[in-house]
Amino acid sequence: MDNALQKRLEKALNKRSPGEFHFPEVYGAGWDDLYIGDKVKLGNTFLRLVRLGRFPGIEDTGKKKGGGRLYRKLGH
């Protein structure tokens, strides 16, 4: 995942309200045009970065629902 994509994801995450979400909701436009292998790689990279704390205030819920892993944006 390149730096430009990480910045784009940070902006999208900052705009979100607290609560659960799937990665494609944050990735946004173009997700459906990606090959399945690219989707898997990006999803795995996002999970790894979340677990490393690269996206503050975002956590892995450890659950899967609706065809994908659920993340949570923390907030007040």
PDB file of N, CA and C in Angstrom:
ATOM      1  N   MET A   1       0.862  -1.176   0.000  1.00  0.00           N
ATOM      2  CA  MET A   1       0.000   0.000   0.000  1.00  0.00           C
ATOM      3  C   MET A   1       0.905   1.234   0.000  1.00  0.00           C
ATOM      4  N   ASP A   2       0.726   2.067  -0.993  1.00  0.00           N
ATOM      5  CA  ASP A   2       1.602   3.238  -1.080  1.00  0.00           C
ATOM      6  C   ASP A   2       1.122   4.369  -0.169  1.00  0.00           C
ATOM      7  N   ASN A   3       2.001   5.342  -0.017  1.00  0.00           N
ATOM      8  CA  ASN A   3       1.731   6.454   0.900  1.00  0.00           C
ATOM      9  C   ASN A   3       0.496   7.256   0.493  1.00  0.00           C
ATOM     10  N   ALA A   4       0.301   7.435  -0.806  1.00  0.00           N
ATOM     11  CA  ALA A   4      -0.857   8.197  -1.286  1.00  0.00           C
ATOM     12  C   ALA A   4      -2.160   7.514  -0.887  1.00  0.00           C
ATOM     13  N   LEU A   5      -2.208   6.191  -1.018  1.00  0.00           N
ATOM     14  CA  LEU A   5      -3.415   5.457  -0.631  1.00  0.00           C
ATOM     15  C   LEU A   5      -3.625   5.535   0.877  1.00  0.00           C
ATOM     16  N   GLN A   6      -2.555   5.434   1.658  1.00  0.00           N
ATOM     17  CA  GLN A   6      -2.699   5.547   3.109  1.00  0.00           C
ATOM     18  C   GLN A   6      -3.274   6.910   3.489  1.00  0.00           C
ATOM     19  N   LYS A   7      -2.802   7.964   2.842  1.00  0.00           N
ATOM     20  CA  LYS A   7      -3.317   9.316   3.124  1.00  0.00           C
ATOM     21  C   LYS A   7      -4.793   9.408   2.754  1.00  0.00           C
ATOM     22  N   ARG A   8      -5.157   8.817   1.610  1.00  0.00           N
ATOM     23  CA  ARG A   8      -6.559   8.837   1.178  1.00  0.00           C
ATOM     24  C   ARG A   8      -7.437   8.098   2.181  1.00  0.00           C
ATOM     25  N   LEU A   9      -6.950   6.965   2.677  1.00  0.00           N
ATOM     26  CA  LEU A   9      -7.712   6.200   3.666  1.00  0.00           C
ATOM     27  C   LEU A   9      -7.834   6.973   4.977  1.00  0.00           C
ATOM     28  N   GLU A  10      -6.759   7.650   5.388  1.00  0.00           N
ATOM     29  CA  GLU A  10      -6.810   8.464   6.612  1.00  0.00           C
ATOM     30  C   GLU A  10      -7.881   9.538   6.494  1.00  0.00           C
ATOM     31  N   LYS A  11      -7.945  10.204   5.346  1.00  0.00           N
ATOM     32  CA  LYS A  11      -8.965  11.245   5.139  1.00  0.00           C
ATOM     33  C   LYS A  11     -10.364  10.658   5.223  1.00  0.00           C
ATOM     34  N   ALA A  12     -10.558   9.510   4.569  1.00  0.00           N
ATOM     35  CA  ALA A  12     -11.873   8.863   4.581  1.00  0.00           C
ATOM     36  C   ALA A  12     -12.247   8.438   5.997  1.00  0.00           C
ATOM     37  N   LEU A  13     -11.288   7.912   6.743  1.00  0.00           N
ATOM     38  CA  LEU A  13     -11.559   7.484   8.116  1.00  0.00           C
ATOM     39  C   LEU A  13     -11.882   8.676   9.014  1.00  0.00           C
ATOM     40  N   ASN A  14     -11.192   9.788   8.806  1.00  0.00           N
ATOM     41  CA  ASN A  14     -11.448  10.984   9.613  1.00  0.00           C
ATOM     42  C   ASN A  14     -12.851  11.531   9.399  1.00  0.00           C
ATOM     43  N   LYS A  15     -13.407  11.324   8.217  1.00  0.00           N
ATOM     44  CA  LYS A  15     -14.753  11.821   7.900  1.00  0.00           C
ATOM     45  C   LYS A  15     -15.856  10.923   8.453  1.00  0.00           C
ATOM     46  N   ARG A  16     -15.508   9.690   8.780  1.00  0.00           N
ATOM     47  CA  ARG A  16     -16.510   8.727   9.251  1.00  0.00           C
ATOM     48  C   ARG A  16     -16.952   9.032  10.680  1.00  0.00           C
ATOM     49  N   SER A  17     -18.186   8.705  10.950  1.00  0.00           N
ATOM     50  CA  SER A  17     -18.698   8.755  12.318  1.00  0.00           C
ATOM     51  C   SER A  17     -18.217   7.506  13.045  1.00  0.00           C
ATOM     52  N   PRO A  18     -18.143   7.552  14.374  1.00  0.00           N
ATOM     53  CA  PRO A  18     -17.762   6.348  15.127  1.00  0.00           C
ATOM     54  C   PRO A  18     -18.716   5.199  14.832  1.00  0.00           C
ATOM     55  N   GLY A  19     -18.178   3.993  14.851  1.00  0.00           N
ATOM     56  CA  GLY A  19     -18.987   2.802  14.620  1.00  0.00           C
ATOM     57  C   GLY A  19     -18.257   1.794  13.756  1.00  0.00           C
ATOM     58  N   GLU A  20     -18.963   0.703  13.470  1.00  0.00           N
ATOM     59  CA  GLU A  20     -18.371  -0.387  12.704  1.00  0.00           C
ATOM     60  C   GLU A  20     -18.449  -0.124  11.203  1.00  0.00           C
ATOM     61  N   PHE A  21     -17.485  -0.701  10.482  1.00  0.00           N
ATOM     62  CA  PHE A  21     -17.451  -0.542   9.027  1.00  0.00           C
ATOM     63  C   PHE A  21     -16.631  -1.664   8.402  1.00  0.00           C
ATOM     64  N   HIS A  22     -16.811  -1.840   7.105  1.00  0.00           N
ATOM     65  CA  HIS A  22     -15.998  -2.756   6.309  1.00  0.00           C
ATOM     66  C   HIS A  22     -14.978  -1.925   5.531  1.00  0.00           C
ATOM     67  N   PHE A  23     -13.831  -2.503   5.241  1.00  0.00           N
ATOM     68  CA  PHE A  23     -12.770  -1.798   4.524  1.00  0.00           C
ATOM     69  C   PHE A  23     -13.221  -1.208   3.182  1.00  0.00           C
ATOM     70  N   PRO A  24     -13.999  -1.927   2.343  1.00  0.00           N
ATOM     71  CA  PRO A  24     -14.401  -1.332   1.062  1.00  0.00           C
ATOM     72  C   PRO A  24     -15.158  -0.005   1.199  1.00  0.00           C
ATOM     73  N   GLU A  25     -15.848   0.193   2.324  1.00  0.00           N
ATOM     74  CA  GLU A  25     -16.559   1.462   2.547  1.00  0.00           C
ATOM     75  C   GLU A  25     -15.566   2.614   2.666  1.00  0.00           C
ATOM     76  N   VAL A  26     -14.409   2.337   3.223  1.00  0.00           N
ATOM     77  CA  VAL A  26     -13.375   3.360   3.400  1.00  0.00           C
ATOM     78  C   VAL A  26     -12.577   3.532   2.106  1.00  0.00           C
ATOM     79  N   TYR A  27     -12.319   2.422   1.425  1.00  0.00           N
ATOM     80  CA  TYR A  27     -11.571   2.480   0.169  1.00  0.00           C
ATOM     81  C   TYR A  27     -12.321   3.340  -0.842  1.00  0.00           C
ATOM     82  N   GLY A  28     -13.628   3.128  -0.924  1.00  0.00           N
ATOM     83  CA  GLY A  28     -14.460   3.968  -1.777  1.00  0.00           C
ATOM     84  C   GLY A  28     -14.474   3.574  -3.241  1.00  0.00           C
ATOM     85  N   ALA A  29     -14.609   4.577  -4.089  1.00  0.00           N
ATOM     86  CA  ALA A  29     -14.759   4.373  -5.526  1.00  0.00           C
ATOM     87  C   ALA A  29     -13.598   3.566  -6.083  1.00  0.00           C
ATOM     88  N   GLY A  30     -13.923   2.642  -6.951  1.00  0.00           N
ATOM     89  CA  GLY A  30     -12.909   1.824  -7.591  1.00  0.00           C
ATOM     90  C   GLY A  30     -12.742   0.450  -6.967  1.00  0.00           C
ATOM     91  N   TRP A  31     -13.294   0.241  -5.776  1.00  0.00           N
ATOM     92  CA  TRP A  31     -13.141  -1.055  -5.109  1.00  0.00           C
ATOM     93  C   TRP A  31     -13.670  -2.193  -5.980  1.00  0.00           C
ATOM     94  N   ASP A  32     -14.851  -2.001  -6.550  1.00  0.00           N
ATOM     95  CA  ASP A  32     -15.474  -3.069  -7.342  1.00  0.00           C
ATOM     96  C   ASP A  32     -14.725  -3.349  -8.640  1.00  0.00           C
ATOM     97  N   ASP A  33     -13.870  -2.432  -9.070  1.00  0.00           N
ATOM     98  CA  ASP A  33     -13.106  -2.616 -10.299  1.00  0.00           C
ATOM     99  C   ASP A  33     -11.805  -3.383 -10.077  1.00  0.00           C
ATOM    100  N   LEU A  34     -11.417  -3.583  -8.819  1.00  0.00           N
ATOM    101  CA  LEU A  34     -10.166  -4.277  -8.510  1.00  0.00           C
ATOM    102  C   LEU A  34     -10.324  -5.788  -8.692  1.00  0.00           C
ATOM    103  N   TYR A  35      -9.225  -6.440  -9.060  1.00  0.00           N
ATOM    104  CA  TYR A  35      -9.215  -7.903  -9.122  1.00  0.00           C
ATOM    105  C   TYR A  35      -9.292  -8.444  -7.702  1.00  0.00           C
ATOM    106  N   ILE A  36      -9.857  -9.650  -7.570  1.00  0.00           N
ATOM    107  CA  ILE A  36     -10.032 -10.236  -6.239  1.00  0.00           C
ATOM    108  C   ILE A  36      -8.700 -10.349  -5.495  1.00  0.00           C
ATOM    109  N   GLY A  37      -7.638 -10.717  -6.197  1.00  0.00           N
ATOM    110  CA  GLY A  37      -6.331 -10.829  -5.550  1.00  0.00           C
ATOM    111  C   GLY A  37      -5.857  -9.507  -4.979  1.00  0.00           C
ATOM    112  N   ASP A  38      -6.117  -8.411  -5.712  1.00  0.00           N
ATOM    113  CA  ASP A  38      -5.737  -7.083  -5.224  1.00  0.00           C
ATOM    114  C   ASP A  38      -6.572  -6.685  -4.014  1.00  0.00           C
ATOM    115  N   LYS A  39      -7.851  -7.055  -4.033  1.00  0.00           N
ATOM    116  CA  LYS A  39      -8.725  -6.765  -2.891  1.00  0.00           C
ATOM    117  C   LYS A  39      -8.217  -7.481  -1.636  1.00  0.00           C
ATOM    118  N   VAL A  40      -7.825  -8.747  -1.804  1.00  0.00           N
ATOM    119  CA  VAL A  40      -7.324  -9.528  -0.670  1.00  0.00           C
ATOM    120  C   VAL A  40      -6.041  -8.903  -0.133  1.00  0.00           C
ATOM    121  N   LYS A  41      -5.118  -8.542  -1.025  1.00  0.00           N
ATOM    122  CA  LYS A  41      -3.851  -7.938  -0.592  1.00  0.00           C
ATOM    123  C   LYS A  41      -4.085  -6.626   0.147  1.00  0.00           C
ATOM    124  N   LEU A  42      -4.940  -5.775  -0.418  1.00  0.00           N
ATOM    125  CA  LEU A  42      -5.219  -4.487   0.224  1.00  0.00           C
ATOM    126  C   LEU A  42      -5.900  -4.680   1.574  1.00  0.00           C
ATOM    127  N   GLY A  43      -6.841  -5.614   1.632  1.00  0.00           N
ATOM    128  CA  GLY A  43      -7.529  -5.892   2.887  1.00  0.00           C
ATOM    129  C   GLY A  43      -6.571  -6.394   3.959  1.00  0.00           C
ATOM    130  N   ASN A  44      -5.661  -7.283   3.569  1.00  0.00           N
ATOM    131  CA  ASN A  44      -4.681  -7.804   4.526  1.00  0.00           C
ATOM    132  C   ASN A  44      -3.730  -6.707   4.991  1.00  0.00           C
ATOM    133  N   THR A  45      -3.318  -5.862   4.078  1.00  0.00           N
ATOM    134  CA  THR A  45      -2.418  -4.767   4.438  1.00  0.00           C
ATOM    135  C   THR A  45      -3.113  -3.796   5.388  1.00  0.00           C
ATOM    136  N   PHE A  46      -4.379  -3.472   5.102  1.00  0.00           N
ATOM    137  CA  PHE A  46      -5.134  -2.576   5.980  1.00  0.00           C
ATOM    138  C   PHE A  46      -5.243  -3.185   7.377  1.00  0.00           C
ATOM    139  N   LEU A  47      -5.570  -4.459   7.460  1.00  0.00           N
ATOM    140  CA  LEU A  47      -5.676  -5.140   8.754  1.00  0.00           C
ATOM    141  C   LEU A  47      -4.353  -5.048   9.513  1.00  0.00           C
ATOM    142  N   ARG A  48      -3.252  -5.328   8.837  1.00  0.00           N
ATOM    143  CA  ARG A  48      -1.939  -5.275   9.477  1.00  0.00           C
ATOM    144  C   ARG A  48      -1.632  -3.865   9.986  1.00  0.00           C
ATOM    145  N   LEU A  49      -1.942  -2.854   9.173  1.00  0.00           N
ATOM    146  CA  LEU A  49      -1.680  -1.465   9.573  1.00  0.00           C
ATOM    147  C   LEU A  49      -2.571  -1.042  10.750  1.00  0.00           C
ATOM    148  N   VAL A  50      -3.819  -1.498  10.747  1.00  0.00           N
ATOM    149  CA  VAL A  50      -4.715  -1.205  11.880  1.00  0.00           C
ATOM    150  C   VAL A  50      -4.142  -1.819  13.151  1.00  0.00           C
ATOM    151  N   ARG A  51      -3.718  -3.065  13.055  1.00  0.00           N
ATOM    152  CA  ARG A  51      -3.167  -3.745  14.234  1.00  0.00           C
ATOM    153  C   ARG A  51      -1.871  -3.114  14.716  1.00  0.00           C
ATOM    154  N   LEU A  52      -1.125  -2.483  13.812  1.00  0.00           N
ATOM    155  CA  LEU A  52       0.110  -1.791  14.187  1.00  0.00           C
ATOM    156  C   LEU A  52      -0.148  -0.384  14.728  1.00  0.00           C
ATOM    157  N   GLY A  53      -1.420   0.049  14.683  1.00  0.00           N
ATOM    158  CA  GLY A  53      -1.755   1.375  15.182  1.00  0.00           C
ATOM    159  C   GLY A  53      -1.518   2.492  14.187  1.00  0.00           C
ATOM    160  N   ARG A  54      -1.372   2.156  12.920  1.00  0.00           N
ATOM    161  CA  ARG A  54      -1.101   3.150  11.882  1.00  0.00           C
ATOM    162  C   ARG A  54      -2.290   4.095  11.665  1.00  0.00           C
ATOM    163  N   PHE A  55      -3.495   3.614  11.958  1.00  0.00           N
ATOM    164  CA  PHE A  55      -4.705   4.437  11.842  1.00  0.00           C
ATOM    165  C   PHE A  55      -5.274   4.623  13.246  1.00  0.00           C
ATOM    166  N   PRO A  56      -4.846   5.670  13.960  1.00  0.00           N
ATOM    167  CA  PRO A  56      -5.292   5.880  15.335  1.00  0.00           C
ATOM    168  C   PRO A  56      -6.820   5.959  15.439  1.00  0.00           C
ATOM    169  N   GLY A  57      -7.351   5.321  16.463  1.00  0.00           N
ATOM    170  CA  GLY A  57      -8.791   5.353  16.692  1.00  0.00           C
ATOM    171  C   GLY A  57      -9.553   4.306  15.907  1.00  0.00           C
ATOM    172  N   ILE A  58      -8.827   3.465  15.158  1.00  0.00           N
ATOM    173  CA  ILE A  58      -9.462   2.387  14.392  1.00  0.00           C
ATOM    174  C   ILE A  58      -8.996   1.075  14.979  1.00  0.00           C
ATOM    175  N   GLU A  59      -9.936   0.153  15.198  1.00  0.00           N
ATOM    176  CA  GLU A  59      -9.569  -1.154  15.736  1.00  0.00           C
ATOM    177  C   GLU A  59     -10.226  -2.273  14.945  1.00  0.00           C
ATOM    178  N   ASP A  60      -9.580  -3.414  14.959  1.00  0.00           N
ATOM    179  CA  ASP A  60     -10.117  -4.642  14.377  1.00  0.00           C
ATOM    180  C   ASP A  60     -11.064  -5.243  15.411  1.00  0.00           C
ATOM    181  N   THR A  61     -12.297  -5.503  15.025  1.00  0.00           N
ATOM    182  CA  THR A  61     -13.252  -6.081  15.981  1.00  0.00           C
ATOM    183  C   THR A  61     -13.017  -7.575  16.176  1.00  0.00           C
ATOM    184  N   GLY A  62     -12.277  -8.191  15.248  1.00  0.00           N
ATOM    185  CA  GLY A  62     -12.080  -9.632  15.323  1.00  0.00           C
ATOM    186  C   GLY A  62     -13.272 -10.411  14.794  1.00  0.00           C
ATOM    187  N   LYS A  63     -14.261  -9.694  14.235  1.00  0.00           N
ATOM    188  CA  LYS A  63     -15.478 -10.333  13.717  1.00  0.00           C
ATOM    189  C   LYS A  63     -15.553 -10.165  12.213  1.00  0.00           C
ATOM    190  N   LYS A  64     -16.247 -11.115  11.589  1.00  0.00           N
ATOM    191  CA  LYS A  64     -16.553 -10.994  10.174  1.00  0.00           C
ATOM    192  C   LYS A  64     -18.072 -10.999  10.046  1.00  0.00           C
ATOM    193  N   LYS A  65     -18.576 -10.158   9.161  1.00  0.00           N
ATOM    194  CA  LYS A  65     -20.021 -10.045   8.981  1.00  0.00           C
ATOM    195  C   LYS A  65     -20.277  -9.484   7.599  1.00  0.00           C
ATOM    196  N   GLY A  66     -21.295 -10.000   6.935  1.00  0.00           N
ATOM    197  CA  GLY A  66     -21.654  -9.459   5.631  1.00  0.00           C
ATOM    198  C   GLY A  66     -20.561  -9.609   4.598  1.00  0.00           C
ATOM    199  N   GLY A  67     -19.773 -10.692   4.696  1.00  0.00           N
ATOM    200  CA  GLY A  67     -18.765 -10.957   3.692  1.00  0.00           C
ATOM    201  C   GLY A  67     -17.409 -10.329   3.930  1.00  0.00           C
ATOM    202  N   GLY A  68     -17.199  -9.758   5.100  1.00  0.00           N
ATOM    203  CA  GLY A  68     -15.883  -9.177   5.335  1.00  0.00           C
ATOM    204  C   GLY A  68     -15.628  -8.868   6.794  1.00  0.00           C
ATOM    205  N   ARG A  69     -14.380  -8.564   7.068  1.00  0.00           N
ATOM    206  CA  ARG A  69     -13.960  -8.240   8.428  1.00  0.00           C
ATOM    207  C   ARG A  69     -14.541  -6.892   8.854  1.00  0.00           C
ATOM    208  N   LEU A  70     -14.958  -6.831  10.104  1.00  0.00           N
ATOM    209  CA  LEU A  70     -15.499  -5.584  10.648  1.00  0.00           C
ATOM    210  C   LEU A  70     -14.437  -4.839  11.436  1.00  0.00           C
ATOM    211  N   TYR A  71     -14.366  -3.559  11.166  1.00  0.00           N
ATOM    212  CA  TYR A  71     -13.495  -2.646  11.923  1.00  0.00           C
ATOM    213  C   TYR A  71     -14.389  -1.686  12.686  1.00  0.00           C
ATOM    214  N   ARG A  72     -13.808  -0.982  13.648  1.00  0.00           N
ATOM    215  CA  ARG A  72     -14.586  -0.028  14.436  1.00  0.00           C
ATOM    216  C   ARG A  72     -13.798   1.263  14.568  1.00  0.00           C
ATOM    217  N   LYS A  73     -14.496   2.362  14.299  1.00  0.00           N
ATOM    218  CA  LYS A  73     -13.903   3.666  14.597  1.00  0.00           C
ATOM    219  C   LYS A  73     -14.388   4.052  15.977  1.00  0.00           C
ATOM    220  N   LEU A  74     -13.423   4.320  16.845  1.00  0.00           N
ATOM    221  CA  LEU A  74     -13.743   4.721  18.214  1.00  0.00           C
ATOM    222  C   LEU A  74     -14.049   6.208  18.236  1.00  0.00           C
ATOM    223  N   GLY A  75     -14.812   6.620  19.185  1.00  0.00           N
ATOM    224  CA  GLY A  75     -15.125   8.037  19.292  1.00  0.00           C
ATOM    225  C   GLY A  75     -16.010   8.306  20.470  1.00  0.00           C
ATOM    226  N   HIS A  76     -16.301   9.554  20.647  1.00  0.00           N
ATOM    227  CA  HIS A  76     -17.098   9.988  21.796  1.00  0.00           C
ATOM    228  C   HIS A  76     -18.501  10.294  21.354  1.00  0.00           C
TER     229      HIS A  76
END
